[in-house]
Amino acid sequence: MSKAGKFLGIVSVVIAAAWIFTSCWGNKAKDKHTDTATSGVIQISADESFRDIVQQEIDVFESIYVQAGIMPIYASEVDAINLLLKDSVRLAVASRQLTEAEKEGLAQKKLFPKEIKIATDGIALIVNKQNADSMISIPDLREILTGRITRWNQLNPGSKLGDLQLVFDNQNSSTVRFAIDSICRGDSLAGNLSAQHDNAAVIDYVSKTPGAIGVIGVTWVGNKSDSTRMTFSELVTVMSVSRETKATRENSYKPFQAYIALGQYPLVRNMYVLLTDPRSGLASGFATFMASDRGQRIILRSGIVPATQNVRIVNVRENL
């Protein structure tokens, strides 16, 4: 072979090698995500009021799929959803669905969200163990939230507790949004209100403050040592709530799983998985697990109502 031929051959090899390298590198750069439905490491976000349930789901999922790592960010509902909208995470757990404007914003990023209902949750009202008032009506609760009732003797003339203080976890939390949207019907919150950062802090504050009412996700006040979920935390008293104008023993219900399932407990909300995972990677795998039979059984054991499982209704009237 002539020198010219050898030279052309070498040039051809170099060009081919460069093309292969560039092609492979380009494909790798385009697909920075390497997780699959059951392996890899991802971050997710979740409303802090669902921390207990989400963490149980993660623990079981990771025990089954040992090559999977899920790193949760527990935050206010506003922050948890914002992380999804910014594409910082591909899965968020929240108590609401996305708005049309939020969906349009994601669509501009070529992300088309799925919304999966996985449970029906309850909002619990808790008071100090020294407080003899353990029943409340929705109309009275609305008056408290809007600042028209500010003292305990306005609810019960015989009460000696003085000022009434309503305590939430976080000003951007789902419980605050629920109070405004579902109880106040859009009216602004007023009166003696405070935020305690998270649900655990709400329980701690109410357990030390006789005049406080805490607004909290019901899974936070479940008695974890009671497998029947028929009792609540011994640190506080969980109130019975009535839809009627006046709360009585006959028309008031505590947030037991059975009463949530039957629609008798009035303070309920849905729990959703919000998913933006076009690759069907680990975020999709975890969402599928939470909606599966095993994931739903975890929710059943937590004391709230799974979306796809029938709940065995039990008689809990004697616990009111």
C-alpha atoms as a PDB file:
ATOM      1  CA  MET A   1       0.000   0.000   0.000  1.00  0.00           C
ATOM      2  CA  SER A   2       1.272   3.483  -0.862  1.00  0.00           C
ATOM      3  CA  LYS A   3       2.084   6.073   1.785  1.00  0.00           C
ATOM      4  CA  ALA A   4      -0.897   8.118   0.615  1.00  0.00           C
ATOM      5  CA  GLY A   5      -3.184   5.130   1.054  1.00  0.00           C
ATOM      6  CA  LYS A   6      -1.888   4.436   4.550  1.00  0.00           C
ATOM      7  CA  PHE A   7      -2.364   8.093   5.459  1.00  0.00           C
ATOM      8  CA  LEU A   8      -5.965   8.086   4.246  1.00  0.00           C
ATOM      9  CA  GLY A   9      -6.617   4.885   6.176  1.00  0.00           C
ATOM     10  CA  ILE A  10      -5.298   6.374   9.400  1.00  0.00           C
ATOM     11  CA  VAL A  11      -7.371   9.520   8.903  1.00  0.00           C
ATOM     12  CA  SER A  12     -10.494   7.393   8.343  1.00  0.00           C
ATOM     13  CA  VAL A  13      -9.910   5.469  11.572  1.00  0.00           C
ATOM     14  CA  VAL A  14      -9.380   8.682  13.561  1.00  0.00           C
ATOM     15  CA  ILE A  15     -12.563  10.217  12.144  1.00  0.00           C
ATOM     16  CA  ALA A  16     -14.573   7.075  12.885  1.00  0.00           C
ATOM     17  CA  ALA A  17     -13.253   6.914  16.458  1.00  0.00           C
ATOM     18  CA  ALA A  18     -14.041  10.580  17.008  1.00  0.00           C
ATOM     19  CA  TRP A  19     -17.587  10.071  15.697  1.00  0.00           C
ATOM     20  CA  ILE A  20     -18.182   7.093  18.007  1.00  0.00           C
ATOM     21  CA  PHE A  21     -16.790   8.973  21.035  1.00  0.00           C
ATOM     22  CA  THR A  22     -18.878  12.061  20.273  1.00  0.00           C
ATOM     23  CA  SER A  23     -22.015   9.992  19.712  1.00  0.00           C
ATOM     24  CA  CYS A  24     -21.622   8.039  22.950  1.00  0.00           C
ATOM     25  CA  TRP A  25     -20.783  11.130  24.968  1.00  0.00           C
ATOM     26  CA  GLY A  26     -23.738  13.000  23.494  1.00  0.00           C
ATOM     27  CA  ASN A  27     -26.148  10.214  24.434  1.00  0.00           C
ATOM     28  CA  LYS A  28     -24.741  10.051  27.939  1.00  0.00           C
ATOM     29  CA  ALA A  29     -25.070  13.806  28.373  1.00  0.00           C
ATOM     30  CA  LYS A  30     -28.671  13.759  27.218  1.00  0.00           C
ATOM     31  CA  ASP A  31     -29.673  11.066  29.723  1.00  0.00           C
ATOM     32  CA  LYS A  32     -28.184  12.152  33.026  1.00  0.00           C
ATOM     33  CA  HIS A  33     -30.684  10.001  34.956  1.00  0.00           C
ATOM     34  CA  THR A  34     -29.557   6.416  35.476  1.00  0.00           C
ATOM     35  CA  ASP A  35     -32.223   5.170  37.898  1.00  0.00           C
ATOM     36  CA  THR A  36     -34.728   2.462  37.006  1.00  0.00           C
ATOM     37  CA  ALA A  37     -38.093   1.615  38.537  1.00  0.00           C
ATOM     38  CA  THR A  38     -36.373  -0.394  41.276  1.00  0.00           C
ATOM     39  CA  SER A  39     -32.807   0.935  41.492  1.00  0.00           C
ATOM     40  CA  GLY A  40     -30.827   4.130  41.797  1.00  0.00           C
ATOM     41  CA  VAL A  41     -31.020   7.116  44.141  1.00  0.00           C
ATOM     42  CA  ILE A  42     -33.528   9.977  43.923  1.00  0.00           C
ATOM     43  CA  GLN A  43     -34.935  12.775  46.048  1.00  0.00           C
ATOM     44  CA  ILE A  44     -38.664  13.222  46.595  1.00  0.00           C
ATOM     45  CA  SER A  45     -40.626  15.871  48.483  1.00  0.00           C
ATOM     46  CA  ALA A  46     -43.539  15.366  50.860  1.00  0.00           C
ATOM     47  CA  ASP A  47     -45.882  17.426  52.971  1.00  0.00           C
ATOM     48  CA  GLU A  48     -44.470  17.180  56.491  1.00  0.00           C
ATOM     49  CA  SER A  49     -47.873  16.217  57.896  1.00  0.00           C
ATOM     50  CA  PHE A  50     -47.544  12.941  55.927  1.00  0.00           C
ATOM     51  CA  ARG A  51     -44.009  12.240  57.165  1.00  0.00           C
ATOM     52  CA  ASP A  52     -44.898   9.133  59.193  1.00  0.00           C
ATOM     53  CA  ILE A  53     -46.713   7.405  56.324  1.00  0.00           C
ATOM     54  CA  VAL A  54     -44.206   8.355  53.629  1.00  0.00           C
ATOM     55  CA  GLN A  55     -41.269   7.191  55.739  1.00  0.00           C
ATOM     56  CA  GLN A  56     -42.924   3.818  56.350  1.00  0.00           C
ATOM     57  CA  GLU A  57     -43.497   3.440  52.607  1.00  0.00           C
ATOM     58  CA  ILE A  58     -39.841   4.274  51.913  1.00  0.00           C
ATOM     59  CA  ASP A  59     -38.535   1.861  54.549  1.00  0.00           C
ATOM     60  CA  VAL A  60     -40.521  -1.080  53.164  1.00  0.00           C
ATOM     61  CA  PHE A  61     -39.767  -0.218  49.522  1.00  0.00           C
ATOM     62  CA  GLU A  62     -36.025  -0.045  50.194  1.00  0.00           C
ATOM     63  CA  SER A  63     -36.116  -3.319  52.117  1.00  0.00           C
ATOM     64  CA  ILE A  64     -37.609  -5.023  49.046  1.00  0.00           C
ATOM     65  CA  TYR A  65     -35.501  -3.260  46.414  1.00  0.00           C
ATOM     66  CA  VAL A  66     -32.092  -3.072  48.044  1.00  0.00           C
ATOM     67  CA  GLN A  67     -30.515  -1.176  45.147  1.00  0.00           C
ATOM     68  CA  ALA A  68     -33.003   1.689  45.536  1.00  0.00           C
ATOM     69  CA  GLY A  69     -32.389   4.770  47.654  1.00  0.00           C
ATOM     70  CA  ILE A  70     -35.115   7.363  48.223  1.00  0.00           C
ATOM     71  CA  MET A  71     -34.116  10.589  49.961  1.00  0.00           C
ATOM     72  CA  PRO A  72     -37.207  12.451  51.256  1.00  0.00           C
ATOM     73  CA  ILE A  73     -37.424  16.200  51.761  1.00  0.00           C
ATOM     74  CA  TYR A  74     -40.170  16.871  54.329  1.00  0.00           C
ATOM     75  CA  ALA A  75     -41.443  20.426  54.052  1.00  0.00           C
ATOM     76  CA  SER A  76     -44.572  22.551  54.057  1.00  0.00           C
ATOM     77  CA  GLU A  77     -47.025  21.682  51.318  1.00  0.00           C
ATOM     78  CA  VAL A  78     -46.165  24.903  49.476  1.00  0.00           C
ATOM     79  CA  ASP A  79     -42.452  24.087  49.479  1.00  0.00           C
ATOM     80  CA  ALA A  80     -42.977  20.408  48.616  1.00  0.00           C
ATOM     81  CA  ILE A  81     -45.003  21.271  45.519  1.00  0.00           C
ATOM     82  CA  ASN A  82     -42.638  24.085  44.517  1.00  0.00           C
ATOM     83  CA  LEU A  83     -39.776  21.570  44.401  1.00  0.00           C
ATOM     84  CA  LEU A  84     -41.834  19.548  41.908  1.00  0.00           C
ATOM     85  CA  LEU A  85     -42.690  22.614  39.824  1.00  0.00           C
ATOM     86  CA  LYS A  86     -39.002  23.578  39.629  1.00  0.00           C
ATOM     87  CA  ASP A  87     -38.142  20.017  38.544  1.00  0.00           C
ATOM     88  CA  SER A  88     -35.905  19.602  41.602  1.00  0.00           C
ATOM     89  CA  VAL A  89     -37.836  16.393  42.337  1.00  0.00           C
ATOM     90  CA  ARG A  90     -40.012  14.177  40.141  1.00  0.00           C
ATOM     91  CA  LEU A  91     -42.391  13.053  42.913  1.00  0.00           C
ATOM     92  CA  ALA A  92     -44.232  14.987  45.624  1.00  0.00           C
ATOM     93  CA  VAL A  93     -46.773  13.851  48.212  1.00  0.00           C
ATOM     94  CA  ALA A  94     -49.426  16.441  49.030  1.00  0.00           C
ATOM     95  CA  SER A  95     -53.041  16.886  50.058  1.00  0.00           C
ATOM     96  CA  ARG A  96     -54.107  18.663  46.862  1.00  0.00           C
ATOM     97  CA  GLN A  97     -53.947  18.237  43.133  1.00  0.00           C
ATOM     98  CA  LEU A  98     -52.095  20.625  40.860  1.00  0.00           C
ATOM     99  CA  THR A  99     -53.818  23.720  39.523  1.00  0.00           C
ATOM    100  CA  GLU A 100     -54.290  24.244  35.792  1.00  0.00           C
ATOM    101  CA  ALA A 101     -51.651  26.987  35.865  1.00  0.00           C
ATOM    102  CA  GLU A 102     -49.178  24.625  37.542  1.00  0.00           C
ATOM    103  CA  LYS A 103     -49.870  21.938  34.954  1.00  0.00           C
ATOM    104  CA  GLU A 104     -49.337  24.429  32.131  1.00  0.00           C
ATOM    105  CA  GLY A 105     -46.025  25.496  33.642  1.00  0.00           C
ATOM    106  CA  LEU A 106     -44.854  21.887  33.782  1.00  0.00           C
ATOM    107  CA  ALA A 107     -46.062  21.251  30.234  1.00  0.00           C
ATOM    108  CA  GLN A 108     -43.780  24.045  29.024  1.00  0.00           C
ATOM    109  CA  LYS A 109     -40.905  21.981  30.448  1.00  0.00           C
ATOM    110  CA  LYS A 110     -42.205  18.900  28.597  1.00  0.00           C
ATOM    111  CA  LEU A 111     -43.368  17.412  31.903  1.00  0.00           C
ATOM    112  CA  PHE A 112     -46.897  16.012  32.026  1.00  0.00           C
ATOM    113  CA  PRO A 113     -47.879  15.181  35.615  1.00  0.00           C
ATOM    114  CA  LYS A 114     -49.847  12.224  36.915  1.00  0.00           C
ATOM    115  CA  GLU A 115     -51.957  12.602  40.046  1.00  0.00           C
ATOM    116  CA  ILE A 116     -52.606   9.443  42.046  1.00  0.00           C
ATOM    117  CA  LYS A 117     -54.925   9.425  45.042  1.00  0.00           C
ATOM    118  CA  ILE A 118     -53.496   7.021  47.608  1.00  0.00           C
ATOM    119  CA  ALA A 119     -55.486   7.753  50.798  1.00  0.00           C
ATOM    120  CA  THR A 120     -58.132   9.737  52.644  1.00  0.00           C
ATOM    121  CA  ASP A 121     -56.676  11.463  55.679  1.00  0.00           C
ATOM    122  CA  GLY A 122     -58.201  13.220  58.684  1.00  0.00           C
ATOM    123  CA  ILE A 123     -57.366  16.553  60.332  1.00  0.00           C
ATOM    124  CA  ALA A 124     -57.362  16.132  64.113  1.00  0.00           C
ATOM    125  CA  LEU A 125     -58.060  18.820  66.706  1.00  0.00           C
ATOM    126  CA  ILE A 126     -56.133  18.318  69.943  1.00  0.00           C
ATOM    127  CA  VAL A 127     -56.376  19.976  73.365  1.00  0.00           C
ATOM    128  CA  ASN A 128     -54.481  19.809  76.631  1.00  0.00           C
ATOM    129  CA  LYS A 129     -55.274  16.913  78.977  1.00  0.00           C
ATOM    130  CA  GLN A 130     -56.452  19.440  81.614  1.00  0.00           C
ATOM    131  CA  ASN A 131     -59.101  20.808  79.270  1.00  0.00           C
ATOM    132  CA  ALA A 132     -62.556  19.369  80.013  1.00  0.00           C
ATOM    133  CA  ASP A 133     -63.931  20.541  76.647  1.00  0.00           C
ATOM    134  CA  SER A 134     -63.434  17.633  74.251  1.00  0.00           C
ATOM    135  CA  MET A 135     -66.227  18.268  71.714  1.00  0.00           C
ATOM    136  CA  ILE A 136     -66.588  21.041  69.152  1.00  0.00           C
ATOM    137  CA  SER A 137     -68.892  21.863  66.234  1.00  0.00           C
ATOM    138  CA  ILE A 138     -67.771  22.977  62.787  1.00  0.00           C
ATOM    139  CA  PRO A 139     -69.661  26.313  63.135  1.00  0.00           C
ATOM    140  CA  ASP A 140     -67.847  27.041  66.420  1.00  0.00           C
ATOM    141  CA  LEU A 141     -64.513  26.042  64.873  1.00  0.00           C
ATOM    142  CA  ARG A 142     -65.177  28.467  62.024  1.00  0.00           C
ATOM    143  CA  GLU A 143     -65.836  31.234  64.569  1.00  0.00           C
ATOM    144  CA  ILE A 144     -62.518  30.464  66.269  1.00  0.00           C
ATOM    145  CA  LEU A 145     -60.574  30.455  63.001  1.00  0.00           C
ATOM    146  CA  THR A 146     -62.010  33.815  61.922  1.00  0.00           C
ATOM    147  CA  GLY A 147     -61.434  35.442  65.314  1.00  0.00           C
ATOM    148  CA  ARG A 148     -65.045  35.769  66.482  1.00  0.00           C
ATOM    149  CA  ILE A 149     -64.489  33.364  69.373  1.00  0.00           C
ATOM    150  CA  THR A 150     -61.324  34.129  71.339  1.00  0.00           C
ATOM    151  CA  ARG A 151     -62.009  32.781  74.843  1.00  0.00           C
ATOM    152  CA  TRP A 152     -62.970  29.348  76.141  1.00  0.00           C
ATOM    153  CA  ASN A 153     -65.963  30.666  78.097  1.00  0.00           C
ATOM    154  CA  GLN A 154     -67.546  31.686  74.768  1.00  0.00           C
ATOM    155  CA  LEU A 155     -67.703  27.975  73.978  1.00  0.00           C
ATOM    156  CA  ASN A 156     -68.403  26.818  77.513  1.00  0.00           C
ATOM    157  CA  PRO A 157     -69.586  29.432  80.052  1.00  0.00           C
ATOM    158  CA  GLY A 158     -68.215  27.259  82.866  1.00  0.00           C
ATOM    159  CA  SER A 159     -64.664  27.160  81.475  1.00  0.00           C
ATOM    160  CA  LYS A 160     -61.923  28.920  83.469  1.00  0.00           C
ATOM    161  CA  LEU A 161     -59.180  28.532  80.880  1.00  0.00           C
ATOM    162  CA  GLY A 162     -59.214  32.116  79.583  1.00  0.00           C
ATOM    163  CA  ASP A 163     -57.841  32.956  76.134  1.00  0.00           C
ATOM    164  CA  LEU A 164     -58.112  30.355  73.376  1.00  0.00           C
ATOM    165  CA  GLN A 165     -55.062  29.834  71.181  1.00  0.00           C
ATOM    166  CA  LEU A 166     -55.189  27.979  67.866  1.00  0.00           C
ATOM    167  CA  VAL A 167     -51.917  26.292  66.897  1.00  0.00           C
ATOM    168  CA  PHE A 168     -50.832  25.106  63.433  1.00  0.00           C
ATOM    169  CA  ASP A 169     -47.651  23.439  62.260  1.00  0.00           C
ATOM    170  CA  ASN A 170     -46.527  25.935  59.602  1.00  0.00           C
ATOM    171  CA  GLN A 171     -48.024  29.010  57.954  1.00  0.00           C
ATOM    172  CA  ASN A 172     -47.558  27.387  54.520  1.00  0.00           C
ATOM    173  CA  SER A 173     -48.861  23.990  55.590  1.00  0.00           C
ATOM    174  CA  SER A 174     -51.696  21.962  54.139  1.00  0.00           C
ATOM    175  CA  THR A 175     -53.589  22.219  57.440  1.00  0.00           C
ATOM    176  CA  VAL A 176     -53.676  26.021  57.155  1.00  0.00           C
ATOM    177  CA  ARG A 177     -54.892  25.772  53.555  1.00  0.00           C
ATOM    178  CA  PHE A 178     -57.511  23.212  54.615  1.00  0.00           C
ATOM    179  CA  ALA A 179     -58.725  25.552  57.378  1.00  0.00           C
ATOM    180  CA  ILE A 180     -59.111  28.464  54.966  1.00  0.00           C
ATOM    181  CA  ASP A 181     -60.618  26.523  52.049  1.00  0.00           C
ATOM    182  CA  SER A 182     -62.765  23.893  53.776  1.00  0.00           C
ATOM    183  CA  ILE A 183     -63.738  25.454  57.113  1.00  0.00           C
ATOM    184  CA  CYS A 184     -63.533  29.244  56.712  1.00  0.00           C
ATOM    185  CA  ARG A 185     -64.815  28.998  53.131  1.00  0.00           C
ATOM    186  CA  GLY A 186     -62.274  31.521  51.920  1.00  0.00           C
ATOM    187  CA  ASP A 187     -62.445  33.947  54.853  1.00  0.00           C
ATOM    188  CA  SER A 188     -59.128  35.051  56.305  1.00  0.00           C
ATOM    189  CA  LEU A 189     -57.748  33.475  59.462  1.00  0.00           C
ATOM    190  CA  ALA A 190     -57.743  35.766  62.486  1.00  0.00           C
ATOM    191  CA  GLY A 191     -57.646  35.678  66.270  1.00  0.00           C
ATOM    192  CA  ASN A 192     -54.936  34.177  68.449  1.00  0.00           C
ATOM    193  CA  LEU A 193     -53.101  31.956  65.962  1.00  0.00           C
ATOM    194  CA  SER A 194     -49.546  30.639  65.986  1.00  0.00           C
ATOM    195  CA  ALA A 195     -47.291  28.287  64.010  1.00  0.00           C
ATOM    196  CA  GLN A 196     -44.930  25.780  65.654  1.00  0.00           C
ATOM    197  CA  HIS A 197     -42.800  24.694  62.670  1.00  0.00           C
ATOM    198  CA  ASP A 198     -43.962  21.051  62.473  1.00  0.00           C
ATOM    199  CA  ASN A 199     -46.571  18.590  63.730  1.00  0.00           C
ATOM    200  CA  ALA A 200     -44.412  17.180  66.521  1.00  0.00           C
ATOM    201  CA  ALA A 201     -43.938  20.708  67.892  1.00  0.00           C
ATOM    202  CA  VAL A 202     -47.727  21.253  67.839  1.00  0.00           C
ATOM    203  CA  ILE A 203     -48.269  18.190  70.032  1.00  0.00           C
ATOM    204  CA  ASP A 204     -45.537  19.304  72.418  1.00  0.00           C
ATOM    205  CA  TYR A 205     -46.934  22.840  72.672  1.00  0.00           C
ATOM    206  CA  VAL A 206     -50.538  21.730  73.272  1.00  0.00           C
ATOM    207  CA  SER A 207     -49.433  19.188  75.898  1.00  0.00           C
ATOM    208  CA  LYS A 208     -47.908  22.088  77.863  1.00  0.00           C
ATOM    209  CA  THR A 209     -50.529  24.793  77.181  1.00  0.00           C
ATOM    210  CA  PRO A 210     -54.016  24.321  78.715  1.00  0.00           C
ATOM    211  CA  GLY A 211     -55.698  26.962  76.532  1.00  0.00           C
ATOM    212  CA  ALA A 212     -54.443  25.734  73.151  1.00  0.00           C
ATOM    213  CA  ILE A 213     -56.147  23.835  70.327  1.00  0.00           C
ATOM    214  CA  GLY A 214     -53.790  22.134  67.878  1.00  0.00           C
ATOM    215  CA  VAL A 215     -54.645  21.442  64.228  1.00  0.00           C
ATOM    216  CA  ILE A 216     -52.697  18.421  63.040  1.00  0.00           C
ATOM    217  CA  GLY A 217     -52.616  15.441  60.668  1.00  0.00           C
ATOM    218  CA  VAL A 218     -54.350  12.505  62.341  1.00  0.00           C
ATOM    219  CA  THR A 219     -51.479  10.036  61.884  1.00  0.00           C
ATOM    220  CA  TRP A 220     -49.398  12.151  64.243  1.00  0.00           C
ATOM    221  CA  VAL A 221     -51.723  11.465  67.176  1.00  0.00           C
ATOM    222  CA  GLY A 222     -52.225   7.737  66.647  1.00  0.00           C
ATOM    223  CA  ASN A 223     -51.142   5.391  69.418  1.00  0.00           C
ATOM    224  CA  LYS A 224     -48.411   3.414  67.665  1.00  0.00           C
ATOM    225  CA  SER A 225     -48.447   0.715  70.343  1.00  0.00           C
ATOM    226  CA  ASP A 226     -52.125  -0.021  69.560  1.00  0.00           C
ATOM    227  CA  SER A 227     -52.365  -2.182  66.439  1.00  0.00           C
ATOM    228  CA  THR A 228     -56.169  -1.711  66.346  1.00  0.00           C
ATOM    229  CA  ARG A 229     -55.791   2.075  65.956  1.00  0.00           C
ATOM    230  CA  MET A 230     -58.628   2.485  68.453  1.00  0.00           C
ATOM    231  CA  THR A 231     -56.761   4.852  70.758  1.00  0.00           C
ATOM    232  CA  PHE A 232     -54.792   8.064  70.420  1.00  0.00           C
ATOM    233  CA  SER A 233     -51.695   9.589  71.967  1.00  0.00           C
ATOM    234  CA  GLU A 234     -51.720   9.890  75.746  1.00  0.00           C
ATOM    235  CA  LEU A 235     -49.987  13.281  75.566  1.00  0.00           C
ATOM    236  CA  VAL A 236     -53.092  15.176  74.449  1.00  0.00           C
ATOM    237  CA  THR A 237     -56.862  14.794  74.094  1.00  0.00           C
ATOM    238  CA  VAL A 238     -58.237  14.360  70.572  1.00  0.00           C
ATOM    239  CA  MET A 239     -61.516  16.260  70.180  1.00  0.00           C
ATOM    240  CA  SER A 240     -64.781  14.907  68.813  1.00  0.00           C
ATOM    241  CA  VAL A 241     -66.138  17.047  65.971  1.00  0.00           C
ATOM    242  CA  SER A 242     -69.740  17.638  64.865  1.00  0.00           C
ATOM    243  CA  ARG A 243     -71.225  19.064  61.683  1.00  0.00           C
ATOM    244  CA  GLU A 244     -74.224  20.320  63.667  1.00  0.00           C
ATOM    245  CA  THR A 245     -74.593  23.741  65.287  1.00  0.00           C
ATOM    246  CA  LYS A 246     -74.185  22.262  68.762  1.00  0.00           C
ATOM    247  CA  ALA A 247     -71.823  19.369  69.409  1.00  0.00           C
ATOM    248  CA  THR A 248     -73.254  16.491  71.440  1.00  0.00           C
ATOM    249  CA  ARG A 249     -72.062  12.983  72.197  1.00  0.00           C
ATOM    250  CA  GLU A 250     -74.572  11.619  69.680  1.00  0.00           C
ATOM    251  CA  ASN A 251     -73.543  13.794  66.711  1.00  0.00           C
ATOM    252  CA  SER A 252     -69.786  14.152  67.304  1.00  0.00           C
ATOM    253  CA  TYR A 253     -67.029  11.882  66.035  1.00  0.00           C
ATOM    254  CA  LYS A 254     -63.323  11.424  66.624  1.00  0.00           C
ATOM    255  CA  PRO A 255     -61.029  10.796  63.628  1.00  0.00           C
ATOM    256  CA  PHE A 256     -61.016   7.025  63.917  1.00  0.00           C
ATOM    257  CA  GLN A 257     -60.361   5.184  60.678  1.00  0.00           C
ATOM    258  CA  ALA A 258     -63.906   3.803  60.562  1.00  0.00           C
ATOM    259  CA  TYR A 259     -65.524   7.231  60.915  1.00  0.00           C
ATOM    260  CA  ILE A 260     -63.255   8.663  58.213  1.00  0.00           C
ATOM    261  CA  ALA A 261     -64.185   5.769  55.892  1.00  0.00           C
ATOM    262  CA  LEU A 262     -67.915   6.185  56.561  1.00  0.00           C
ATOM    263  CA  GLY A 263     -67.806   9.961  56.040  1.00  0.00           C
ATOM    264  CA  GLN A 264     -69.003  10.645  59.584  1.00  0.00           C
ATOM    265  CA  TYR A 265     -65.892  12.496  60.698  1.00  0.00           C
ATOM    266  CA  PRO A 266     -66.147  15.892  58.974  1.00  0.00           C
ATOM    267  CA  LEU A 267     -62.512  17.067  58.748  1.00  0.00           C
ATOM    268  CA  VAL A 268     -61.092  14.920  55.940  1.00  0.00           C
ATOM    269  CA  ARG A 269     -58.827  15.476  52.948  1.00  0.00           C
ATOM    270  CA  ASN A 270     -57.227  13.363  50.231  1.00  0.00           C
ATOM    271  CA  MET A 271     -53.588  12.357  49.955  1.00  0.00           C
ATOM    272  CA  TYR A 272     -52.027  12.445  46.478  1.00  0.00           C
ATOM    273  CA  VAL A 273     -48.818  11.395  44.789  1.00  0.00           C
ATOM    274  CA  LEU A 274     -47.876  14.018  42.181  1.00  0.00           C
ATOM    275  CA  LEU A 275     -45.559  12.516  39.591  1.00  0.00           C
ATOM    276  CA  THR A 276     -43.507  14.047  36.749  1.00  0.00           C
ATOM    277  CA  ASP A 277     -41.286  11.213  35.590  1.00  0.00           C
ATOM    278  CA  PRO A 278     -41.177  10.826  31.790  1.00  0.00           C
ATOM    279  CA  ARG A 279     -38.577   8.037  32.007  1.00  0.00           C
ATOM    280  CA  SER A 280     -40.620   5.716  34.243  1.00  0.00           C
ATOM    281  CA  GLY A 281     -37.669   5.590  36.620  1.00  0.00           C
ATOM    282  CA  LEU A 282     -37.446   5.180  40.377  1.00  0.00           C
ATOM    283  CA  ALA A 283     -40.020   7.910  41.087  1.00  0.00           C
ATOM    284  CA  SER A 284     -42.560   6.000  39.001  1.00  0.00           C
ATOM    285  CA  GLY A 285     -41.584   2.728  40.661  1.00  0.00           C
ATOM    286  CA  PHE A 286     -42.121   4.184  44.128  1.00  0.00           C
ATOM    287  CA  ALA A 287     -45.453   5.751  43.138  1.00  0.00           C
ATOM    288  CA  THR A 288     -46.622   2.401  41.786  1.00  0.00           C
ATOM    289  CA  PHE A 289     -45.588   0.725  45.041  1.00  0.00           C
ATOM    290  CA  MET A 290     -47.578   3.196  47.200  1.00  0.00           C
ATOM    291  CA  ALA A 291     -50.679   2.534  45.109  1.00  0.00           C
ATOM    292  CA  SER A 292     -50.129  -1.245  45.145  1.00  0.00           C
ATOM    293  CA  ASP A 293     -51.649  -3.738  47.561  1.00  0.00           C
ATOM    294  CA  ARG A 294     -48.591  -3.710  49.810  1.00  0.00           C
ATOM    295  CA  GLY A 295     -48.286   0.071  49.825  1.00  0.00           C
ATOM    296  CA  GLN A 296     -51.985   0.430  50.599  1.00  0.00           C
ATOM    297  CA  ARG A 297     -51.704  -1.980  53.527  1.00  0.00           C
ATOM    298  CA  ILE A 298     -49.082   0.312  55.039  1.00  0.00           C
ATOM    299  CA  ILE A 299     -51.602   3.157  54.824  1.00  0.00           C
ATOM    300  CA  LEU A 300     -54.297   0.931  56.336  1.00  0.00           C
ATOM    301  CA  ARG A 301     -52.088   0.191  59.347  1.00  0.00           C
ATOM    302  CA  SER A 302     -51.342   3.897  59.805  1.00  0.00           C
ATOM    303  CA  GLY A 303     -54.939   4.625  60.828  1.00  0.00           C
ATOM    304  CA  ILE A 304     -56.228   6.478  57.766  1.00  0.00           C
ATOM    305  CA  VAL A 305     -58.177   5.154  54.781  1.00  0.00           C
ATOM    306  CA  PRO A 306     -56.344   3.690  51.761  1.00  0.00           C
ATOM    307  CA  ALA A 307     -57.685   4.560  48.332  1.00  0.00           C
ATOM    308  CA  THR A 308     -57.928   0.993  47.000  1.00  0.00           C
ATOM    309  CA  GLN A 309     -58.555  -1.146  50.073  1.00  0.00           C
ATOM    310  CA  ASN A 310     -61.805  -1.843  51.879  1.00  0.00           C
ATOM    311  CA  VAL A 311     -61.592  -0.935  55.573  1.00  0.00           C
ATOM    312  CA  ARG A 312     -63.184  -3.225  58.098  1.00  0.00           C
ATOM    313  CA  ILE A 313     -65.640  -1.005  59.989  1.00  0.00           C
ATOM    314  CA  VAL A 314     -65.566  -1.482  63.747  1.00  0.00           C
ATOM    315  CA  ASN A 315     -67.644  -0.101  66.591  1.00  0.00           C
ATOM    316  CA  VAL A 316     -65.763   2.777  68.172  1.00  0.00           C
ATOM    317  CA  ARG A 317     -68.653   4.727  69.691  1.00  0.00           C
ATOM    318  CA  GLU A 318     -67.582   3.814  73.223  1.00  0.00           C
ATOM    319  CA  ASN A 319     -64.276   5.641  72.661  1.00  0.00           C
ATOM    320  CA  LEU A 320     -65.900   9.048  72.140  1.00  0.00           C
END
